[in-house]
Protein backbone atom coordinates (compact mmCIF):
# COMPACT_ATOMS: atom_id res chain seq x y z
CA MET A 1 -4.67 7.69 40.61
CA GLU A 2 -2.00 9.15 42.88
CA THR A 3 -0.44 12.36 41.58
CA VAL A 4 2.57 14.51 42.40
CA GLN A 5 3.20 18.17 41.70
CA ILE A 6 6.27 19.10 39.70
CA THR A 7 7.56 22.12 37.80
CA ILE A 8 8.91 21.87 34.25
CA ASP A 9 10.28 25.05 32.65
CA ASN A 10 8.41 27.19 35.22
CA LYS A 11 5.17 25.37 34.45
CA VAL A 12 3.52 23.77 37.50
CA LEU A 13 2.04 20.38 36.65
CA SER A 14 0.07 17.71 38.46
CA VAL A 15 1.17 14.36 37.00
CA GLU A 16 0.67 10.69 37.71
CA LYS A 17 3.11 9.24 40.21
CA GLY A 18 5.61 6.88 38.54
CA GLN A 19 5.44 8.71 35.22
CA THR A 20 8.71 9.72 33.57
CA ILE A 21 9.80 13.31 33.09
CA LEU A 22 9.62 12.77 29.32
CA LYS A 23 5.99 11.65 29.35
CA ALA A 24 5.00 14.41 31.76
CA ALA A 25 6.66 17.00 29.52
CA ARG A 26 5.08 15.64 26.35
CA LYS A 27 1.64 15.65 27.92
CA ALA A 28 2.19 19.31 28.82
CA GLY A 29 3.33 20.15 25.29
CA ILE A 30 6.97 20.67 26.29
CA TYR A 31 9.48 19.42 23.73
CA ILE A 32 12.36 17.17 24.82
CA PRO A 33 14.38 15.56 22.00
CA THR A 34 14.90 11.78 22.00
CA LEU A 35 16.81 9.23 19.96
CA CYS A 36 16.93 5.85 21.70
CA TYR A 37 13.43 6.23 23.15
CA TYR A 38 10.70 4.43 21.19
CA GLU A 39 7.13 3.66 22.09
CA LEU A 40 4.09 2.02 20.54
CA ASN A 41 1.76 3.97 22.75
CA GLY A 42 -1.37 1.96 22.03
CA VAL A 43 -0.03 -1.50 22.79
CA GLY A 44 2.06 -0.94 25.90
CA PHE A 45 5.48 -1.37 24.25
CA GLU A 46 8.20 1.03 25.35
CA ASN A 47 11.97 1.17 24.83
CA ARG A 48 13.55 3.60 27.27
CA PRO A 49 17.13 2.56 27.96
CA GLY A 50 18.35 6.10 28.63
CA GLY A 51 21.44 5.18 26.63
CA CYS A 52 21.90 7.98 24.11
CA ARG A 53 21.53 10.82 26.66
CA VAL A 54 19.94 13.11 24.06
CA CYS A 55 16.91 13.61 26.34
CA VAL A 56 18.92 14.80 29.36
CA VAL A 57 17.38 17.51 31.54
CA GLU A 58 18.53 19.46 34.59
CA VAL A 59 16.81 18.59 37.85
CA GLU A 60 17.38 21.06 40.67
CA GLY A 61 19.25 19.44 43.55
CA ARG A 62 20.69 16.68 41.39
CA LYS A 63 24.39 16.81 40.55
CA ASN A 64 24.24 15.01 37.19
CA LEU A 65 21.92 15.63 34.27
CA ALA A 66 19.05 13.13 34.19
CA PRO A 67 17.74 11.17 31.19
CA ALA A 68 14.12 12.28 30.92
CA CYS A 69 12.97 8.97 29.37
CA ALA A 70 14.18 6.91 32.34
CA THR A 71 13.75 9.27 35.33
CA GLU A 72 10.49 9.15 37.25
CA VAL A 73 8.88 12.30 38.62
CA MET A 74 8.95 13.04 42.34
CA GLU A 75 6.94 15.44 44.48
CA GLY A 76 8.31 18.98 44.27
CA MET A 77 10.73 18.16 41.42
CA VAL A 78 11.89 21.21 39.45
CA VAL A 79 13.06 20.47 35.91
CA HIS A 80 14.78 22.61 33.27
CA THR A 81 14.64 21.11 29.78
CA HIS A 82 16.65 23.71 27.83
CA SER A 83 19.13 25.31 30.21
CA LEU A 84 22.58 26.22 28.86
CA ARG A 85 24.07 23.18 30.55
CA VAL A 86 21.43 20.88 28.99
CA VAL A 87 21.80 22.32 25.48
CA ASN A 88 25.59 22.03 25.60
CA ALA A 89 25.36 18.43 26.76
CA ARG A 90 22.93 17.50 23.99
CA ARG A 91 25.05 19.15 21.33
CA THR A 92 28.14 17.31 22.55
CA VAL A 93 26.31 13.96 22.57
CA VAL A 94 25.03 14.44 19.01
CA GLU A 95 28.43 15.69 17.79
CA LEU A 96 30.06 12.55 19.21
CA ILE A 97 27.47 10.34 17.51
CA LEU A 98 28.03 12.16 14.22
CA SER A 99 31.79 11.78 14.52
CA ASP A 100 31.36 8.02 14.03
CA HIS A 101 28.56 8.27 11.47
CA PRO A 102 28.86 8.13 7.66
CA ALA A 103 28.25 11.47 5.96
CA ASP A 104 26.49 10.02 2.92
CA CYS A 105 23.14 11.65 3.68
CA LEU A 106 22.48 12.44 0.00
CA ILE A 107 22.11 8.75 -0.89
CA CYS A 108 20.91 7.40 2.46
CA PRO A 109 17.47 5.72 2.35
CA LYS A 110 16.45 7.74 5.41
CA ASN A 111 17.50 11.10 3.96
CA GLY A 112 14.81 13.61 4.89
CA LYS A 113 13.26 11.19 7.39
CA CYS A 114 16.31 10.54 9.57
CA GLU A 115 15.80 11.41 13.23
CA LEU A 116 19.52 11.99 13.76
CA GLN A 117 19.60 14.38 10.81
CA ALA A 118 16.56 16.25 12.17
CA LEU A 119 18.12 16.38 15.64
CA ALA A 120 21.37 17.85 14.28
CA GLN A 121 19.36 20.52 12.47
CA LYS A 122 17.31 21.25 15.58
CA LEU A 123 20.49 21.71 17.65
CA GLY A 124 22.12 23.90 14.99
CA ILE A 125 25.12 21.61 14.45
CA ARG A 126 27.06 22.73 11.38
CA ASP A 127 30.43 21.04 11.91
CA ILE A 128 31.85 18.08 13.80
CA PRO A 129 34.65 19.07 16.20
CA TYR A 130 35.61 15.48 16.98
CA GLN A 131 37.58 13.77 14.22
CA GLY A 132 39.26 10.39 14.09
CA ALA A 133 38.92 6.81 12.92
CA LYS A 134 35.43 5.49 12.26
CA SER A 135 34.22 2.01 12.99
CA THR A 136 33.41 -0.03 9.88
CA TYR A 137 31.40 -3.21 9.45
CA ARG A 138 30.32 -5.34 6.53
CA LYS A 139 26.92 -4.59 5.04
CA ASP A 140 24.31 -7.30 5.63
CA LEU A 141 22.08 -7.91 2.60
CA SER A 142 18.98 -10.09 2.76
CA PRO A 143 16.17 -10.39 0.20
CA ALA A 144 14.12 -7.87 2.21
CA ILE A 145 16.26 -5.90 4.68
CA ILE A 146 19.59 -4.10 4.43
CA ARG A 147 21.67 -3.63 7.58
CA ASP A 148 24.19 -0.84 7.04
CA VAL A 149 25.82 -1.19 10.44
CA ASP A 150 28.19 1.73 9.90
CA LYS A 151 25.13 3.90 10.56
CA CYS A 152 24.10 2.15 13.77
CA VAL A 153 23.90 4.62 16.67
CA MET A 154 23.34 1.91 19.32
CA CYS A 155 19.92 3.25 20.25
CA ARG A 156 18.89 -0.43 20.47
CA ARG A 157 15.34 0.27 19.31
CA CYS A 158 15.59 -2.56 16.77
CA GLU A 159 16.80 -4.99 19.40
CA SER A 160 13.96 -4.09 21.73
CA VAL A 161 11.30 -4.32 19.01
CA CYS A 162 12.69 -7.64 17.79
CA ASN A 163 13.13 -9.28 21.18
CA VAL A 164 10.26 -7.79 23.22
CA TRP A 165 7.42 -6.79 20.88
CA GLN A 166 8.09 -9.67 18.47
CA THR A 167 10.03 -12.16 20.67
CA VAL A 168 12.00 -13.19 17.59
CA GLY A 169 15.45 -12.85 19.13
CA ALA A 170 17.31 -12.10 15.91
CA LEU A 171 19.21 -9.04 17.17
CA SER A 172 21.37 -8.32 20.19
CA ALA A 173 24.08 -5.89 21.27
CA ILE A 174 27.58 -7.30 20.85
CA ASN A 175 31.08 -6.01 21.68
CA ARG A 176 31.85 -3.06 23.90
CA GLY A 177 33.09 0.50 23.58
CA PHE A 178 33.97 1.74 20.09
CA ASP A 179 33.13 -1.65 18.52
CA ALA A 180 29.71 -1.98 20.14
CA VAL A 181 26.93 -2.70 17.64
CA VAL A 182 23.54 -4.37 17.34
CA ALA A 183 23.77 -7.48 15.18
CA PRO A 184 22.36 -11.01 14.79
CA ALA A 185 23.71 -13.51 17.30
CA PHE A 186 27.18 -14.82 16.46
CA GLU A 187 27.34 -12.03 13.82
CA GLN A 188 25.30 -14.13 11.40
CA ASP A 189 23.59 -12.68 8.35
CA LEU A 190 19.91 -11.97 8.86
CA VAL A 191 18.93 -14.88 6.59
CA GLU A 192 20.89 -17.25 8.85
CA SER A 193 19.31 -15.88 12.01
CA PRO A 194 15.78 -16.36 13.42
CA CYS A 195 14.77 -13.14 11.60
CA THR A 196 11.21 -13.28 10.24
CA MET A 197 11.78 -10.34 7.85
CA CYS A 198 8.78 -8.61 9.47
CA GLY A 199 10.78 -5.37 9.23
CA GLN A 200 9.55 -3.78 12.46
CA CYS A 201 13.23 -3.03 13.14
CA VAL A 202 13.19 -0.92 9.96
CA GLN A 203 10.09 0.93 11.14
CA ALA A 204 11.78 1.63 14.50
CA CYS A 205 15.30 2.54 13.35
CA PRO A 206 15.84 6.32 13.66
CA VAL A 207 18.63 6.38 11.05
CA GLY A 208 19.59 4.48 7.89
CA ALA A 209 21.12 1.48 9.65
CA LEU A 210 18.09 -0.60 8.68
CA SER A 211 16.10 -0.19 5.49
CA GLU A 212 14.13 -2.24 2.99
CA VAL A 213 15.78 -3.52 -0.18
CA ASP A 214 14.83 -0.86 -2.75
CA GLN A 215 13.52 -2.31 -6.02
CA THR A 216 12.23 0.85 -7.71
CA ARG A 217 15.10 0.85 -10.23
CA GLN A 218 14.25 -2.69 -11.38
CA VAL A 219 10.58 -1.75 -11.74
CA ILE A 220 11.37 1.33 -13.85
CA THR A 221 13.64 -0.81 -16.05
CA ALA A 222 10.86 -3.36 -16.55
CA ILE A 223 8.31 -0.68 -17.47
CA ASN A 224 10.73 0.68 -20.07
CA ASP A 225 11.20 -2.77 -21.64
CA THR A 226 8.77 -2.91 -24.58
CA LYS A 227 9.00 -6.71 -24.64
CA LYS A 228 7.48 -6.97 -21.16
CA THR A 229 3.88 -6.66 -20.01
CA VAL A 230 4.11 -5.11 -16.56
CA ILE A 231 1.13 -5.42 -14.22
CA VAL A 232 0.76 -4.14 -10.69
CA GLN A 233 -1.33 -5.22 -7.71
CA THR A 234 -2.02 -3.06 -4.63
CA ALA A 235 -2.69 -4.38 -1.13
CA PRO A 236 -5.67 -3.12 0.90
CA ALA A 237 -3.61 -1.40 3.62
CA VAL A 238 -1.73 0.77 1.09
CA ARG A 239 -4.78 2.84 0.14
CA VAL A 240 -5.34 4.08 3.70
CA ALA A 241 -1.70 5.12 4.30
CA LEU A 242 -0.21 6.31 0.99
CA GLY A 243 -1.78 9.75 1.38
CA GLU A 244 0.37 10.43 4.45
CA GLU A 245 3.42 10.65 2.17
CA PHE A 246 1.71 13.55 0.39
CA GLY A 247 0.63 15.52 3.45
CA MET A 248 -2.82 13.99 3.85
CA GLU A 249 -4.28 13.03 7.19
CA PRO A 250 -3.71 9.45 8.40
CA GLY A 251 -6.65 7.31 7.36
CA SER A 252 -7.28 9.19 4.12
CA ILE A 253 -8.61 6.75 1.52
CA VAL A 254 -6.84 7.32 -1.81
CA THR A 255 -7.82 4.21 -3.77
CA GLY A 256 -8.89 5.94 -6.98
CA GLN A 257 -6.03 8.44 -7.00
CA MET A 258 -3.55 5.62 -6.40
CA VAL A 259 -4.89 3.73 -9.44
CA ALA A 260 -4.56 6.87 -11.55
CA ALA A 261 -0.98 7.38 -10.36
CA LEU A 262 0.03 3.83 -11.22
CA ARG A 263 -1.31 4.25 -14.76
CA ARG A 264 0.66 7.46 -15.17
CA ILE A 265 3.84 5.71 -14.04
CA GLY A 266 3.36 3.34 -16.97
CA PHE A 267 2.00 0.03 -15.71
CA ASP A 268 0.12 -1.84 -18.44
CA TYR A 269 -2.59 -3.10 -16.07
CA VAL A 270 -3.51 -1.92 -12.57
CA PHE A 271 -5.12 -4.63 -10.48
CA ASP A 272 -6.17 -5.06 -6.86
CA THR A 273 -4.70 -7.58 -4.42
CA ASP A 274 -8.20 -7.51 -2.91
CA PHE A 275 -9.29 -9.73 -5.82
CA ALA A 276 -6.79 -12.32 -4.62
CA ALA A 277 -7.94 -11.77 -1.03
CA ASP A 278 -11.43 -12.83 -2.11
CA LEU A 279 -9.81 -15.84 -3.77
CA THR A 280 -7.92 -16.60 -0.55
CA ILE A 281 -11.21 -16.66 1.36
CA MET A 282 -12.66 -19.18 -1.07
CA GLU A 283 -9.68 -21.49 -0.56
CA GLU A 284 -8.99 -20.88 3.13
CA GLY A 285 -12.69 -20.80 4.02
CA THR A 286 -13.29 -24.11 2.23
CA GLU A 287 -10.29 -25.58 4.05
CA LEU A 288 -11.66 -24.36 7.40
CA LEU A 289 -15.12 -25.83 6.75
CA GLY A 290 -13.56 -29.11 5.67
CA ARG A 291 -11.64 -29.43 8.92
CA ILE A 292 -14.64 -28.44 11.05
CA SER A 293 -16.87 -30.97 9.26
CA LYS A 294 -14.34 -33.75 9.82
CA PHE A 295 -14.05 -32.81 13.51
CA MET A 296 -17.84 -32.79 13.95
CA ASN A 297 -17.99 -36.21 12.30
CA GLY A 298 -15.64 -37.64 14.89
CA ASP A 299 -12.26 -37.42 13.15
CA LYS A 300 -9.87 -36.99 16.07
CA ASN A 301 -6.85 -36.52 13.78
CA VAL A 302 -8.10 -33.35 12.17
CA LYS A 303 -5.80 -30.36 12.74
CA LEU A 304 -7.57 -27.61 14.66
CA PRO A 305 -7.35 -24.74 15.15
CA ILE A 306 -6.57 -23.80 11.56
CA LEU A 307 -4.11 -20.89 11.45
CA THR A 308 -4.23 -18.17 8.80
CA SER A 309 -1.31 -18.04 6.38
CA CYS A 310 -1.57 -14.60 4.73
CA CYS A 311 1.24 -12.92 6.69
CA PRO A 312 4.78 -13.91 5.55
CA GLY A 313 6.38 -12.63 8.75
CA TRP A 314 4.11 -14.92 10.72
CA VAL A 315 4.83 -17.84 8.35
CA ASN A 316 8.59 -17.36 8.83
CA PHE A 317 8.00 -17.20 12.59
CA PHE A 318 6.12 -20.49 12.91
CA GLU A 319 8.52 -22.28 10.54
CA THR A 320 11.36 -21.33 12.91
CA ASN A 321 9.63 -21.54 16.29
CA TYR A 322 6.83 -24.09 15.87
CA PRO A 323 8.13 -26.77 13.48
CA ASP A 324 5.89 -29.32 15.21
CA MET A 325 2.85 -27.39 13.95
CA LEU A 326 3.66 -27.15 10.24
CA ASP A 327 0.56 -29.17 9.34
CA VAL A 328 -1.76 -26.87 11.33
CA PRO A 329 -1.76 -23.59 9.33
CA SER A 330 -3.88 -23.25 6.23
CA THR A 331 -1.98 -24.28 3.11
CA ALA A 332 -3.54 -21.40 1.17
CA LYS A 333 -0.97 -19.03 -0.29
CA SER A 334 -1.09 -15.37 0.67
CA PRO A 335 -3.16 -13.05 -1.56
CA GLN A 336 0.08 -11.64 -3.05
CA GLN A 337 1.21 -15.08 -4.19
CA MET A 338 -2.24 -16.20 -5.30
CA PHE A 339 -2.45 -13.11 -7.48
CA GLY A 340 0.94 -13.85 -9.02
CA ALA A 341 -0.03 -17.46 -9.78
CA VAL A 342 -3.30 -16.36 -11.40
CA ALA A 343 -1.66 -13.52 -13.33
CA LYS A 344 1.17 -15.57 -14.79
CA ASN A 345 -0.92 -18.61 -15.64
CA TYR A 346 -4.52 -17.48 -16.28
CA PHE A 347 -4.17 -13.82 -17.30
CA ALA A 348 -0.96 -14.27 -19.32
CA ASN A 349 -2.71 -17.04 -21.26
CA LYS A 350 -5.70 -14.76 -21.97
CA LEU A 351 -3.28 -12.14 -23.31
CA GLY A 352 -1.48 -14.76 -25.37
CA ILE A 353 1.95 -14.12 -23.84
CA LYS A 354 4.52 -16.31 -22.10
CA ARG A 355 4.72 -16.06 -18.31
CA GLU A 356 8.36 -15.00 -18.52
CA ASP A 357 7.28 -11.99 -20.63
CA MET A 358 4.97 -10.81 -17.85
CA VAL A 359 6.36 -8.85 -14.89
CA VAL A 360 4.19 -8.81 -11.76
CA VAL A 361 4.82 -5.97 -9.30
CA SER A 362 3.22 -5.80 -5.85
CA ILE A 363 2.64 -2.66 -3.80
CA MET A 364 2.64 -3.87 -0.22
CA PRO A 365 2.60 -2.37 3.30
CA CYS A 366 5.07 -5.09 4.21
CA VAL A 367 8.83 -5.67 4.04
CA ALA A 368 8.50 -9.46 4.42
CA LYS A 369 6.61 -9.61 1.10
CA LYS A 370 9.97 -8.96 -0.61
CA PHE A 371 11.28 -12.13 1.01
CA GLU A 372 8.10 -14.09 0.34
CA CYS A 373 8.01 -13.51 -3.42
CA GLN A 374 11.58 -14.81 -3.73
CA ARG A 375 10.90 -18.13 -2.00
CA ASP A 376 11.68 -21.03 -4.35
CA GLU A 377 8.27 -22.69 -3.95
CA PHE A 378 6.66 -19.62 -5.54
CA LYS A 379 8.58 -20.01 -8.81
CA GLU A 380 8.12 -22.08 -11.96
CA GLU A 381 11.42 -23.15 -13.49
CA GLY A 382 13.10 -20.21 -11.76
CA ASN A 383 10.52 -17.64 -12.87
CA PRO A 384 8.78 -16.09 -9.83
CA ASP A 385 5.01 -15.66 -9.68
CA VAL A 386 5.65 -12.16 -8.28
CA ASP A 387 8.78 -10.45 -9.56
CA TYR A 388 9.06 -7.40 -7.31
CA ALA A 389 7.39 -6.15 -4.14
CA LEU A 390 7.53 -2.43 -3.42
CA THR A 391 6.57 -0.94 -0.07
CA THR A 392 4.08 1.91 0.32
CA ARG A 393 7.04 4.21 0.91
CA GLU A 394 8.73 3.03 -2.29
CA LEU A 395 5.54 3.70 -4.27
CA ALA A 396 5.46 7.24 -2.87
CA GLU A 397 9.10 7.73 -3.93
CA LEU A 398 8.32 6.35 -7.39
CA MET A 399 5.43 8.78 -7.76
CA LYS A 400 7.65 11.70 -6.75
CA ILE A 401 10.29 10.62 -9.30
CA PHE A 402 7.57 10.91 -11.98
CA ASN A 403 6.36 14.25 -10.51
CA ILE A 404 2.94 12.81 -9.74
CA LYS A 405 0.99 14.74 -7.11
CA LEU A 406 -1.48 12.31 -5.57
CA ASN A 407 -3.67 15.07 -4.15
CA ASN A 408 -4.51 16.48 -7.59
CA LEU A 409 -5.33 13.25 -9.42
CA PRO A 410 -8.84 12.20 -10.48
CA GLU A 411 -10.16 8.88 -9.21
CA GLU A 412 -9.90 5.94 -11.59
CA ASP A 413 -11.04 2.31 -11.35
CA PHE A 414 -8.95 -0.84 -11.31
CA ASP A 415 -8.72 -2.91 -14.48
CA ASN A 416 -10.66 -6.14 -14.78
CA PRO A 417 -10.89 -9.10 -14.42
CA LEU A 418 -8.36 -9.06 -11.55
CA GLY A 419 -9.43 -5.71 -10.13
CA GLU A 420 -12.93 -6.42 -8.84
CA SER A 421 -13.18 -7.09 -5.11
CA THR A 422 -15.50 -7.05 -2.13
CA GLY A 423 -15.53 -5.39 1.26
CA ALA A 424 -14.43 -8.69 2.77
CA ALA A 425 -11.16 -8.40 0.87
CA VAL A 426 -10.53 -4.80 1.98
CA ILE A 427 -10.57 -5.68 5.68
CA PHE A 428 -7.63 -8.05 5.19
CA GLY A 429 -5.57 -4.93 5.89
CA SER A 430 -6.40 -4.79 9.60
CA THR A 431 -6.06 -7.25 12.46
CA GLY A 432 -9.17 -9.43 12.65
CA GLY A 433 -10.08 -8.68 9.06
CA VAL A 434 -8.95 -11.95 7.48
CA ILE A 435 -10.92 -14.08 9.91
CA GLU A 436 -13.98 -11.82 9.65
CA ALA A 437 -13.88 -12.09 5.86
CA ALA A 438 -13.58 -15.87 6.16
CA THR A 439 -16.46 -15.95 8.64
CA ARG A 440 -18.78 -14.05 6.28
CA THR A 441 -18.30 -16.72 3.64
CA ALA A 442 -17.96 -19.76 5.93
CA TYR A 443 -21.22 -18.96 7.74
CA GLU A 444 -23.27 -18.96 4.54
CA LEU A 445 -21.56 -22.02 3.06
CA PHE A 446 -21.89 -23.93 6.35
CA THR A 447 -25.52 -23.03 7.13
CA GLY A 448 -26.90 -22.51 3.63
CA LYS A 449 -28.49 -19.32 4.94
CA SER A 450 -27.88 -15.62 4.34
CA LEU A 451 -26.12 -13.74 7.09
CA PRO A 452 -28.45 -11.79 9.38
CA LYS A 453 -25.65 -9.19 9.58
CA VAL A 454 -22.42 -8.82 7.61
CA ASP A 455 -20.40 -7.04 10.32
CA PHE A 456 -18.85 -9.32 12.91
CA THR A 457 -17.85 -6.53 15.28
CA GLU A 458 -16.91 -9.04 17.97
CA LEU A 459 -13.87 -9.92 15.85
CA ARG A 460 -12.68 -6.31 15.58
CA GLY A 461 -10.48 -4.21 17.83
CA LEU A 462 -6.84 -3.45 18.47
CA ASP A 463 -6.17 -5.43 21.64
CA GLY A 464 -3.09 -7.61 21.14
CA ILE A 465 -4.92 -10.88 21.86
CA ARG A 466 -8.65 -11.31 21.34
CA SER A 467 -11.14 -14.15 21.21
CA ALA A 468 -14.78 -14.44 20.23
CA GLU A 469 -17.44 -17.05 19.66
CA VAL A 470 -19.48 -16.83 16.47
CA ASP A 471 -22.83 -18.62 16.21
CA PHE A 472 -23.10 -20.60 12.96
CA ASP A 473 -26.86 -21.08 13.30
CA GLY A 474 -26.58 -23.14 16.46
CA THR A 475 -22.98 -24.30 16.05
CA PRO A 476 -20.55 -22.21 18.15
CA ILE A 477 -17.27 -21.44 16.38
CA LYS A 478 -14.44 -20.22 18.64
CA ILE A 479 -11.99 -17.79 17.05
CA GLY A 480 -8.69 -16.38 18.34
CA ILE A 481 -6.86 -13.32 17.01
CA ALA A 482 -3.41 -11.90 17.70
CA HIS A 483 -1.26 -9.16 16.21
CA GLY A 484 2.42 -8.83 17.08
CA LEU A 485 4.52 -11.98 17.27
CA ALA A 486 4.93 -11.84 21.06
CA ASN A 487 1.14 -12.01 21.31
CA ALA A 488 1.10 -14.81 18.73
CA ARG A 489 3.54 -16.78 20.88
CA LYS A 490 1.40 -16.30 23.99
CA LEU A 491 -1.73 -17.42 22.17
CA LEU A 492 -0.14 -20.45 20.54
CA ASP A 493 1.56 -21.55 23.73
CA SER A 494 -1.76 -21.38 25.59
CA VAL A 495 -3.29 -23.59 22.87
CA LYS A 496 -0.43 -26.10 23.09
CA ARG A 497 -0.86 -26.27 26.88
CA GLY A 498 -4.54 -27.03 26.42
CA GLU A 499 -5.65 -23.81 28.12
CA GLU A 500 -7.47 -22.50 25.03
CA ASN A 501 -9.49 -24.25 22.34
CA PHE A 502 -10.23 -22.60 19.01
CA HIS A 503 -11.52 -23.63 15.61
CA ALA A 504 -9.51 -20.88 13.86
CA ILE A 505 -6.81 -18.36 14.73
CA GLU A 506 -5.75 -15.28 12.76
CA ILE A 507 -2.25 -13.95 13.32
CA MET A 508 -0.57 -10.85 11.91
CA ALA A 509 3.06 -10.01 12.66
CA CYS A 510 2.77 -6.21 12.74
CA PRO A 511 0.95 -3.85 15.14
CA GLY A 512 -2.62 -3.46 13.96
CA GLY A 513 -1.98 -5.93 11.14
CA CYS A 514 -0.92 -4.80 7.66
CA ILE A 515 -1.92 -1.20 8.40
CA GLY A 516 1.06 -1.09 10.79
CA GLY A 517 3.37 -2.91 8.40
CA ALA A 518 7.04 -2.04 8.22
CA GLY A 519 6.67 -0.76 4.64
CA GLN A 520 4.05 1.83 5.55
CA PRO A 521 4.85 5.54 6.08
CA PHE A 522 6.84 5.91 9.30
CA HIS A 523 4.47 6.31 12.24
CA HIS A 524 7.28 6.93 14.78
CA GLY A 525 5.45 4.89 17.40
CA ASP A 526 2.26 6.95 17.22
CA PHE A 527 -0.43 4.27 17.51
CA GLU A 528 -3.12 6.89 16.86
CA ILE A 529 -2.00 6.83 13.21
CA ILE A 530 -2.54 3.07 13.10
CA LYS A 531 -5.98 3.50 14.68
CA ARG A 532 -7.01 5.96 11.98
CA ARG A 533 -5.84 3.61 9.24
CA HIS A 534 -7.84 0.84 10.95
CA GLU A 535 -10.99 2.97 10.92
CA ALA A 536 -10.47 3.82 7.24
CA ILE A 537 -10.26 0.14 6.30
CA TYR A 538 -13.73 -0.48 7.68
CA ARG A 539 -15.11 2.68 6.03
CA GLU A 540 -13.88 1.32 2.71
CA ASP A 541 -15.57 -2.01 3.47
CA GLU A 542 -18.88 -0.32 4.27
CA GLY A 543 -18.84 1.53 0.96
CA LYS A 544 -18.46 -1.60 -1.16
CA PRO A 545 -21.55 -2.82 -3.05
CA ILE A 546 -20.56 -6.47 -2.43
CA ARG A 547 -19.18 -7.44 0.97
CA LYS A 548 -18.82 -11.24 0.79
CA SER A 549 -15.99 -12.91 -1.10
CA HIS A 550 -18.11 -15.73 -2.53
CA GLU A 551 -20.39 -13.17 -4.22
CA ASN A 552 -17.59 -11.60 -6.29
CA PRO A 553 -18.72 -12.27 -9.91
CA TYR A 554 -15.17 -12.37 -11.25
CA ILE A 555 -14.17 -14.94 -8.63
CA LYS A 556 -17.13 -17.08 -9.70
CA LYS A 557 -16.07 -16.72 -13.34
CA LEU A 558 -12.47 -17.68 -12.51
CA TYR A 559 -13.62 -20.94 -10.92
CA SER A 560 -16.07 -21.75 -13.70
CA GLU A 561 -13.59 -20.98 -16.50
CA TRP A 562 -10.38 -22.34 -15.04
CA LEU A 563 -10.03 -23.43 -11.43
CA GLY A 564 -12.97 -25.79 -11.14
CA GLU A 565 -13.85 -25.67 -7.44
CA PRO A 566 -12.23 -24.35 -4.25
CA CYS A 567 -9.53 -26.72 -2.94
CA GLY A 568 -9.96 -28.84 -6.06
CA GLU A 569 -7.11 -30.38 -8.02
CA ILE A 570 -6.25 -27.32 -10.13
CA SER A 571 -6.73 -24.71 -7.40
CA HIS A 572 -4.78 -26.77 -4.86
CA HIS A 573 -1.84 -27.04 -7.24
CA LEU A 574 -1.76 -23.31 -8.04
CA LEU A 575 -3.09 -21.64 -4.90
CA HIS A 576 -1.73 -23.74 -2.05
CA THR A 577 1.75 -24.25 -0.61
CA HIS A 578 3.65 -26.16 2.06
CA TYR A 579 5.95 -25.17 4.91
CA PHE A 580 9.49 -25.97 6.04
CA ASP A 581 11.19 -26.74 9.34
CA LYS A 582 13.69 -23.89 9.72
CA SER A 583 14.52 -24.54 13.36
CA LYS A 584 17.27 -27.05 12.55
CA GLN A 585 18.85 -24.66 10.07
CA ILE A 586 19.05 -21.95 12.73
CA GLU A 587 20.47 -24.33 15.34
CA ILE A 588 23.16 -25.67 13.00
CA GLU A 589 24.21 -22.29 11.66
CA GLY A 590 24.07 -20.78 15.15
């Protein structure tokens, strides 16, 4: 590694050649503020347009101030990060941004977590010297994401995340000067664009220009309605991230405290989405084995590789971008939707209530789950299987409204019968987890033998694209894994070109899988936080007494009492779905 010697704030440093001033300073513990800069430092994604000029520094011998995020170090470079000239320039830049920014901080969804707000405080800005007309735009409302474009600061993080990390292409910069803004192509609404509702733009946005649709008010109203039975399900990734909102270290496992908190909020029953994840494995695993058996018996029309269907952002992506492959993904619903179908048909019947008198609330790490639960195919006569999906952040806000301190709560167990789960279900929360869970069950059903080991470590990791071969007692099963939609596109395109052959592929839209979902506590691009959540998921799995989905006693009881058999007539009707060609819709409306 070739290095150069530079000086930053009188500190002599030896840094890698080609590195930016910003990265060199951060590595040395020297603070330089940023706004448009955004990085997922574990996956190689970086947005450094140098557009906002908040990170400017003074380089001796250079006439103009230099953006630290876009200026590479050079031998002998001398840099001043907080000279009078630099501080004045930064204050002026932020004051100009604020002059065209709404001052509704008290009701902004990013209040207290807004990077622009924090930057103004850091620079000691107490008034705005530049007054005049402000640009105004219509507010874009979708079932999952709100775009309040008046708050857009043109950092273009969302555009970069959408178009580079996800290759969705739903956002782009339009207009120039005072009217410049990031918006869907042709100024469409998000629902009319190629948007997958993955919400990574929300996770990246430094201000309140992008936020999830907040449904906490509707949930509180439902809990207060004595005519309704309100039940809640919690996704596996939530329990390893919720603690961050209460000052705990990333990767803290708060399962029991979370259950206790939900009971104190007033939910009638507290269940675990992991139960439905075990159910998903029974359906998806049976579907996988069915296709493999047909292929091995010479059926050349069988659709392989089977693609997982748990991630709604990924489902939206392939409906828009791969309409010729709609018969390839598993038809199994996601765990969220399976839970809703079971709750409103099986559990409501056991309670002796009508499905419309039951309200099902999901706590999800995901913004796209809000969109998913409102899809028409997941309703019966207009009544949705899942009524509301709250993000991890929304749950934290709800707990704070009720003055619940997570740290001080005793651990409590989920209710049954929809609260019992296995370690296989827990690992759904991380990339590679769904296919590992399926493999644990598929191996034993395929071979009729017990697994020699439960942990398929070859399927784990955080590389964007991975592949592994699993030995099913002499039958090699090839598995592909991708997280991030750009990686999904690369993997699928290689399959379509005939360069790769797999029996099964797992795809998750977000970095690291659900643990890096857009509804999780803001990680601000720090992939180390996602790594620690990933590690916690597998710790939770290891601590479970049962670690294979097909051994869950309540799943067995559900099939014997009601469903019959996996992929049978009843289960296929309730637990499976179909997909739609959305590419034509986008082309016409575009």
